[in-house]
Amino acid sequence: MKLPRIAPIVVVPFALLFTACGIRFTDPPPGTEFFESLQVSGERTAGSPLTALVSYTQTYPVEVELTCELRQNKQTLFEIGKNVVPPVPDGNPDATPVVGSFSYDFTPPAPGAYRVECLTLREEDNFISKKITISAD
């Protein structure tokens, strides 16, 4: 039995319909439910100091410990900074968020590709990271 041939004019609209069903092929937004953004500023050359600025939104009724680290590949080279964000009284996901930020100065050890990563200590899956490249000069 021979199957009927489907005309391309019918297939193309269906293909377009399925590609527009909410699937995105771009990077996700940089933040998480706690971390809003992470910026690294300074001259990205060996021996030059950099500053990491991490912004957060706190709505939880518990304190949140966070740490920022300098990593290369999967290895943590050193801790850049650590802070505790106080709890929000009567905090819940619908509470008015308390917005804040911390700034940490650091100097990468040598030229190369690195990643600054900030994470909450209770939930390490709650993190934000930024890739940086340090040149020789």
N, C-alpha and C. Protein backbone atom coordinates (compact mmCIF):
# COMPACT_ATOMS: atom_id res chain seq x y z
N MET A 1 0.84 -1.16 0.00
CA MET A 1 0.00 0.00 0.00
C MET A 1 0.90 1.23 0.00
N LYS A 2 0.60 2.17 -0.85
CA LYS A 2 1.38 3.37 -0.99
C LYS A 2 0.73 4.48 -0.15
N LEU A 3 1.58 5.13 0.70
CA LEU A 3 1.08 6.21 1.55
C LEU A 3 0.98 7.49 0.74
N PRO A 4 0.03 8.33 1.06
CA PRO A 4 -0.11 9.58 0.33
C PRO A 4 1.07 10.51 0.66
N ARG A 5 1.47 11.27 -0.30
CA ARG A 5 2.57 12.21 -0.13
C ARG A 5 2.01 13.51 0.44
N ILE A 6 2.66 13.97 1.53
CA ILE A 6 2.21 15.20 2.18
C ILE A 6 2.94 16.37 1.54
N ALA A 7 2.20 17.31 1.12
CA ALA A 7 2.77 18.47 0.43
C ALA A 7 3.57 19.32 1.42
N PRO A 8 4.72 19.85 0.97
CA PRO A 8 5.53 20.71 1.84
C PRO A 8 4.78 21.91 2.37
N ILE A 9 3.80 22.37 1.63
CA ILE A 9 3.04 23.54 2.06
C ILE A 9 2.23 23.23 3.33
N VAL A 10 1.94 21.96 3.61
CA VAL A 10 1.22 21.56 4.82
C VAL A 10 2.21 21.31 5.96
N VAL A 11 3.36 20.76 5.67
CA VAL A 11 4.35 20.40 6.69
C VAL A 11 5.01 21.63 7.30
N VAL A 12 5.36 22.60 6.50
CA VAL A 12 6.09 23.77 6.97
C VAL A 12 5.32 24.53 8.07
N PRO A 13 4.03 24.84 7.89
CA PRO A 13 3.33 25.55 8.97
C PRO A 13 3.30 24.76 10.28
N PHE A 14 3.16 23.43 10.21
CA PHE A 14 3.16 22.63 11.43
C PHE A 14 4.54 22.65 12.08
N ALA A 15 5.59 22.61 11.31
CA ALA A 15 6.95 22.67 11.85
C ALA A 15 7.18 24.01 12.55
N LEU A 16 6.71 25.08 11.95
CA LEU A 16 6.85 26.39 12.57
C LEU A 16 6.03 26.48 13.85
N LEU A 17 4.87 25.88 13.86
CA LEU A 17 4.03 25.89 15.04
C LEU A 17 4.73 25.22 16.21
N PHE A 18 5.37 24.08 15.97
CA PHE A 18 6.03 23.35 17.05
C PHE A 18 7.31 24.03 17.51
N THR A 19 8.00 24.75 16.65
CA THR A 19 9.21 25.45 17.08
C THR A 19 8.88 26.68 17.89
N ALA A 20 7.67 27.17 17.84
CA ALA A 20 7.27 28.35 18.59
C ALA A 20 6.51 28.00 19.85
N CYS A 21 6.70 26.82 20.39
CA CYS A 21 5.92 26.37 21.54
C CYS A 21 6.64 26.62 22.86
N GLY A 22 7.50 27.65 22.95
CA GLY A 22 8.12 27.99 24.21
C GLY A 22 9.55 27.50 24.36
N ILE A 23 10.07 26.83 23.41
CA ILE A 23 11.44 26.36 23.48
C ILE A 23 12.35 27.46 22.98
N ARG A 24 13.35 27.82 23.82
CA ARG A 24 14.30 28.86 23.44
C ARG A 24 15.68 28.24 23.32
N PHE A 25 16.43 28.71 22.36
CA PHE A 25 17.77 28.21 22.15
C PHE A 25 18.80 29.29 22.49
N THR A 26 18.53 30.06 23.54
CA THR A 26 19.44 31.09 24.00
C THR A 26 19.81 30.82 25.45
N ASP A 27 20.79 31.56 25.97
CA ASP A 27 21.18 31.41 27.36
C ASP A 27 20.03 31.86 28.25
N PRO A 28 19.85 31.18 29.40
CA PRO A 28 18.80 31.60 30.33
C PRO A 28 19.18 32.92 31.00
N PRO A 29 18.22 33.58 31.62
CA PRO A 29 18.55 34.81 32.35
C PRO A 29 19.62 34.52 33.39
N PRO A 30 20.47 35.50 33.73
CA PRO A 30 21.60 35.23 34.60
C PRO A 30 21.24 34.97 36.06
N GLY A 31 20.11 35.40 36.56
CA GLY A 31 19.79 35.28 37.97
C GLY A 31 19.13 33.97 38.37
N THR A 32 18.90 33.85 39.68
CA THR A 32 18.17 32.72 40.25
C THR A 32 17.09 33.31 41.16
N GLU A 33 16.44 32.47 41.96
CA GLU A 33 15.42 33.02 42.85
C GLU A 33 16.04 33.87 43.96
N PHE A 34 17.33 33.71 44.23
CA PHE A 34 18.01 34.50 45.25
C PHE A 34 18.98 35.51 44.62
N PHE A 35 19.80 35.05 43.70
CA PHE A 35 20.80 35.91 43.08
C PHE A 35 20.19 36.67 41.90
N GLU A 36 20.41 37.97 41.88
CA GLU A 36 19.92 38.80 40.79
C GLU A 36 20.95 38.94 39.68
N SER A 37 22.20 39.24 40.06
CA SER A 37 23.24 39.46 39.06
C SER A 37 24.63 39.31 39.68
N LEU A 38 25.59 39.12 38.80
CA LEU A 38 27.00 39.05 39.18
C LEU A 38 27.78 39.79 38.12
N GLN A 39 28.54 40.80 38.55
CA GLN A 39 29.36 41.58 37.62
C GLN A 39 30.79 41.55 38.12
N VAL A 40 31.73 41.50 37.17
CA VAL A 40 33.14 41.56 37.51
C VAL A 40 33.73 42.76 36.77
N SER A 41 34.37 43.65 37.53
CA SER A 41 34.94 44.85 36.92
C SER A 41 36.43 44.93 37.23
N GLY A 42 37.11 45.71 36.42
CA GLY A 42 38.55 45.90 36.59
C GLY A 42 39.28 45.51 35.32
N GLU A 43 40.56 45.80 35.28
CA GLU A 43 41.39 45.47 34.13
C GLU A 43 41.74 43.99 34.18
N ARG A 44 41.36 43.25 33.16
CA ARG A 44 41.53 41.79 33.17
C ARG A 44 42.90 41.38 32.63
N THR A 45 43.94 41.84 33.35
CA THR A 45 45.31 41.46 33.02
C THR A 45 45.95 40.88 34.28
N ALA A 46 46.97 40.05 34.08
CA ALA A 46 47.64 39.38 35.19
C ALA A 46 48.14 40.39 36.22
N GLY A 47 47.87 40.13 37.49
CA GLY A 47 48.31 40.99 38.58
C GLY A 47 47.41 42.17 38.88
N SER A 48 46.39 42.40 38.06
CA SER A 48 45.48 43.53 38.29
C SER A 48 44.33 43.10 39.20
N PRO A 49 43.97 43.94 40.17
CA PRO A 49 42.85 43.60 41.04
C PRO A 49 41.51 43.73 40.31
N LEU A 50 40.58 42.87 40.66
CA LEU A 50 39.22 42.88 40.11
C LEU A 50 38.24 43.02 41.27
N THR A 51 37.02 43.38 40.94
CA THR A 51 35.95 43.47 41.93
C THR A 51 34.76 42.68 41.44
N ALA A 52 34.25 41.80 42.29
CA ALA A 52 33.02 41.05 42.01
C ALA A 52 31.89 41.72 42.78
N LEU A 53 30.81 42.05 42.09
CA LEU A 53 29.63 42.64 42.71
C LEU A 53 28.46 41.68 42.51
N VAL A 54 27.99 41.11 43.61
CA VAL A 54 26.87 40.16 43.54
C VAL A 54 25.64 40.82 44.17
N SER A 55 24.52 40.79 43.45
CA SER A 55 23.26 41.37 43.92
C SER A 55 22.28 40.24 44.21
N TYR A 56 21.47 40.44 45.24
CA TYR A 56 20.53 39.40 45.65
C TYR A 56 19.18 40.00 45.99
N THR A 57 18.18 39.12 46.06
CA THR A 57 16.83 39.47 46.51
C THR A 57 16.44 38.47 47.58
N GLN A 58 16.24 38.95 48.81
CA GLN A 58 15.94 38.07 49.94
C GLN A 58 14.46 38.16 50.29
N THR A 59 13.78 37.00 50.30
CA THR A 59 12.38 36.92 50.74
C THR A 59 12.19 35.83 51.79
N TYR A 60 13.27 35.19 52.21
CA TYR A 60 13.18 34.03 53.10
C TYR A 60 13.14 34.43 54.58
N PRO A 61 12.44 33.64 55.42
CA PRO A 61 12.40 33.92 56.85
C PRO A 61 13.63 33.37 57.59
N VAL A 62 14.64 32.95 56.87
CA VAL A 62 15.87 32.42 57.46
C VAL A 62 17.06 33.18 56.88
N GLU A 63 18.16 33.22 57.64
CA GLU A 63 19.35 33.86 57.10
C GLU A 63 19.93 33.00 55.99
N VAL A 64 20.57 33.65 55.03
CA VAL A 64 21.15 32.95 53.90
C VAL A 64 22.65 33.25 53.89
N GLU A 65 23.45 32.20 54.04
CA GLU A 65 24.90 32.34 53.95
C GLU A 65 25.31 32.19 52.49
N LEU A 66 26.13 33.13 52.02
CA LEU A 66 26.61 33.01 50.65
C LEU A 66 28.12 33.16 50.62
N THR A 67 28.71 32.54 49.63
CA THR A 67 30.15 32.65 49.41
C THR A 67 30.41 32.83 47.93
N CYS A 68 31.46 33.55 47.61
CA CYS A 68 31.89 33.71 46.22
C CYS A 68 33.30 33.15 46.11
N GLU A 69 33.55 32.44 45.04
CA GLU A 69 34.82 31.74 44.85
C GLU A 69 35.37 32.01 43.45
N LEU A 70 36.69 31.89 43.33
CA LEU A 70 37.33 31.92 42.03
C LEU A 70 37.64 30.48 41.66
N ARG A 71 37.17 30.06 40.49
CA ARG A 71 37.34 28.68 40.04
C ARG A 71 38.03 28.64 38.69
N GLN A 72 38.75 27.55 38.49
CA GLN A 72 39.35 27.27 37.19
C GLN A 72 39.04 25.83 36.89
N ASN A 73 38.35 25.63 35.76
CA ASN A 73 37.76 24.32 35.44
C ASN A 73 36.82 23.96 36.59
N LYS A 74 36.97 22.81 37.21
CA LYS A 74 36.09 22.43 38.32
C LYS A 74 36.74 22.66 39.68
N GLN A 75 37.93 23.20 39.69
CA GLN A 75 38.69 23.38 40.92
C GLN A 75 38.45 24.77 41.52
N THR A 76 38.15 24.81 42.81
CA THR A 76 38.04 26.08 43.52
C THR A 76 39.45 26.53 43.89
N LEU A 77 39.85 27.71 43.41
CA LEU A 77 41.18 28.23 43.71
C LEU A 77 41.22 28.91 45.07
N PHE A 78 40.25 29.80 45.32
CA PHE A 78 40.16 30.43 46.64
C PHE A 78 38.82 31.12 46.79
N GLU A 79 38.49 31.37 48.05
CA GLU A 79 37.26 32.09 48.37
C GLU A 79 37.51 33.58 48.18
N ILE A 80 36.61 34.24 47.47
CA ILE A 80 36.72 35.67 47.22
C ILE A 80 36.09 36.44 48.39
N GLY A 81 34.97 35.96 48.88
CA GLY A 81 34.28 36.62 49.98
C GLY A 81 33.12 35.79 50.48
N LYS A 82 32.65 36.15 51.68
CA LYS A 82 31.58 35.39 52.32
C LYS A 82 30.76 36.36 53.17
N ASN A 83 29.44 36.23 53.15
CA ASN A 83 28.56 37.07 53.95
C ASN A 83 27.32 36.30 54.36
N VAL A 84 26.59 36.88 55.31
CA VAL A 84 25.30 36.34 55.74
C VAL A 84 24.25 37.41 55.49
N VAL A 85 23.19 37.02 54.78
CA VAL A 85 22.06 37.91 54.52
C VAL A 85 21.02 37.62 55.60
N PRO A 86 20.59 38.65 56.36
CA PRO A 86 19.63 38.40 57.45
C PRO A 86 18.27 37.95 56.93
N PRO A 87 17.52 37.26 57.79
CA PRO A 87 16.18 36.81 57.38
C PRO A 87 15.21 37.98 57.22
N VAL A 88 14.17 37.75 56.44
CA VAL A 88 13.08 38.71 56.29
C VAL A 88 12.00 38.30 57.28
N PRO A 89 11.62 39.18 58.22
CA PRO A 89 10.54 38.82 59.15
C PRO A 89 9.27 38.48 58.36
N ASP A 90 8.63 37.40 58.74
CA ASP A 90 7.43 36.92 58.05
C ASP A 90 7.70 36.68 56.56
N GLY A 91 8.92 36.28 56.24
CA GLY A 91 9.29 36.05 54.84
C GLY A 91 8.56 34.87 54.22
N ASN A 92 8.28 34.99 52.94
CA ASN A 92 7.68 33.93 52.15
C ASN A 92 7.88 34.34 50.69
N PRO A 93 7.60 33.44 49.74
CA PRO A 93 7.82 33.79 48.33
C PRO A 93 7.07 35.03 47.85
N ASP A 94 5.95 35.38 48.52
CA ASP A 94 5.17 36.54 48.11
C ASP A 94 5.51 37.80 48.91
N ALA A 95 6.48 37.70 49.84
CA ALA A 95 6.84 38.85 50.67
C ALA A 95 7.53 39.92 49.82
N THR A 96 7.49 41.14 50.31
CA THR A 96 8.21 42.22 49.64
C THR A 96 9.70 41.92 49.76
N PRO A 97 10.39 41.79 48.64
CA PRO A 97 11.80 41.41 48.69
C PRO A 97 12.70 42.51 49.24
N VAL A 98 13.74 42.07 49.93
CA VAL A 98 14.79 42.97 50.39
C VAL A 98 15.94 42.79 49.41
N VAL A 99 16.33 43.88 48.75
CA VAL A 99 17.37 43.83 47.74
C VAL A 99 18.67 44.33 48.34
N GLY A 100 19.76 43.66 48.00
CA GLY A 100 21.06 44.08 48.51
C GLY A 100 22.18 43.58 47.61
N SER A 101 23.40 43.94 47.98
CA SER A 101 24.55 43.48 47.21
C SER A 101 25.79 43.47 48.10
N PHE A 102 26.78 42.69 47.67
CA PHE A 102 28.08 42.63 48.32
C PHE A 102 29.14 42.80 47.24
N SER A 103 30.26 43.41 47.64
CA SER A 103 31.36 43.65 46.72
C SER A 103 32.61 43.01 47.31
N TYR A 104 33.35 42.29 46.47
CA TYR A 104 34.56 41.60 46.92
C TYR A 104 35.71 41.91 45.95
N ASP A 105 36.85 42.28 46.51
CA ASP A 105 38.05 42.52 45.70
C ASP A 105 38.91 41.26 45.70
N PHE A 106 39.51 40.95 44.54
CA PHE A 106 40.37 39.78 44.42
C PHE A 106 41.32 39.97 43.24
N THR A 107 42.36 39.15 43.21
CA THR A 107 43.32 39.19 42.12
C THR A 107 43.56 37.77 41.62
N PRO A 108 43.22 37.47 40.39
CA PRO A 108 43.50 36.13 39.84
C PRO A 108 45.01 35.87 39.84
N PRO A 109 45.42 34.61 40.06
CA PRO A 109 46.84 34.30 40.22
C PRO A 109 47.69 34.39 38.95
N ALA A 110 47.11 34.21 37.78
CA ALA A 110 47.90 34.17 36.54
C ALA A 110 46.96 34.34 35.35
N PRO A 111 47.52 34.55 34.15
CA PRO A 111 46.66 34.58 32.95
C PRO A 111 45.91 33.26 32.79
N GLY A 112 44.72 33.31 32.22
CA GLY A 112 43.96 32.10 31.97
C GLY A 112 42.46 32.35 32.01
N ALA A 113 41.72 31.27 31.85
CA ALA A 113 40.25 31.31 31.89
C ALA A 113 39.79 30.91 33.29
N TYR A 114 38.92 31.72 33.86
CA TYR A 114 38.42 31.50 35.21
C TYR A 114 36.90 31.67 35.22
N ARG A 115 36.33 31.35 36.40
CA ARG A 115 34.91 31.57 36.62
C ARG A 115 34.74 32.07 38.06
N VAL A 116 34.06 33.18 38.22
CA VAL A 116 33.67 33.66 39.54
C VAL A 116 32.30 33.04 39.80
N GLU A 117 32.16 32.36 40.92
CA GLU A 117 30.90 31.70 41.23
C GLU A 117 30.48 32.05 42.65
N CYS A 118 29.23 32.50 42.80
CA CYS A 118 28.65 32.79 44.10
C CYS A 118 27.52 31.79 44.33
N LEU A 119 27.46 31.26 45.56
CA LEU A 119 26.46 30.24 45.86
C LEU A 119 26.00 30.36 47.30
N THR A 120 24.81 29.84 47.57
CA THR A 120 24.32 29.78 48.93
C THR A 120 24.85 28.49 49.55
N LEU A 121 25.26 28.57 50.82
CA LEU A 121 25.90 27.40 51.44
C LEU A 121 24.91 26.29 51.77
N ARG A 122 23.65 26.63 52.04
CA ARG A 122 22.66 25.58 52.34
C ARG A 122 22.19 24.86 51.08
N GLU A 123 22.20 25.55 49.96
CA GLU A 123 21.72 24.97 48.71
C GLU A 123 22.70 25.33 47.60
N GLU A 124 23.69 24.47 47.37
CA GLU A 124 24.74 24.77 46.40
C GLU A 124 24.23 24.80 44.96
N ASP A 125 23.02 24.30 44.72
CA ASP A 125 22.43 24.41 43.38
C ASP A 125 21.91 25.82 43.12
N ASN A 126 21.85 26.64 44.16
CA ASN A 126 21.42 28.03 44.02
C ASN A 126 22.70 28.87 43.87
N PHE A 127 23.08 29.12 42.62
CA PHE A 127 24.34 29.83 42.37
C PHE A 127 24.21 30.71 41.13
N ILE A 128 25.21 31.58 40.98
CA ILE A 128 25.33 32.42 39.81
C ILE A 128 26.82 32.47 39.48
N SER A 129 27.16 32.48 38.20
CA SER A 129 28.58 32.49 37.85
C SER A 129 28.83 33.40 36.65
N LYS A 130 30.09 33.81 36.52
CA LYS A 130 30.51 34.69 35.43
C LYS A 130 31.89 34.23 34.99
N LYS A 131 32.03 33.97 33.68
CA LYS A 131 33.32 33.59 33.11
C LYS A 131 34.16 34.84 32.87
N ILE A 132 35.45 34.73 33.19
CA ILE A 132 36.37 35.84 32.91
C ILE A 132 37.66 35.25 32.32
N THR A 133 38.31 36.03 31.49
CA THR A 133 39.59 35.64 30.92
C THR A 133 40.61 36.70 31.29
N ILE A 134 41.72 36.24 31.85
CA ILE A 134 42.80 37.12 32.27
C ILE A 134 43.93 36.99 31.25
N SER A 135 44.36 38.11 30.69
CA SER A 135 45.44 38.09 29.70
C SER A 135 46.79 38.39 30.38
N ALA A 136 47.87 38.11 29.66
CA ALA A 136 49.22 38.33 30.20
C ALA A 136 49.50 39.82 30.36
N ASP A 137 49.05 40.63 29.44
CA ASP A 137 49.27 42.08 29.53
C ASP A 137 48.08 42.86 29.05
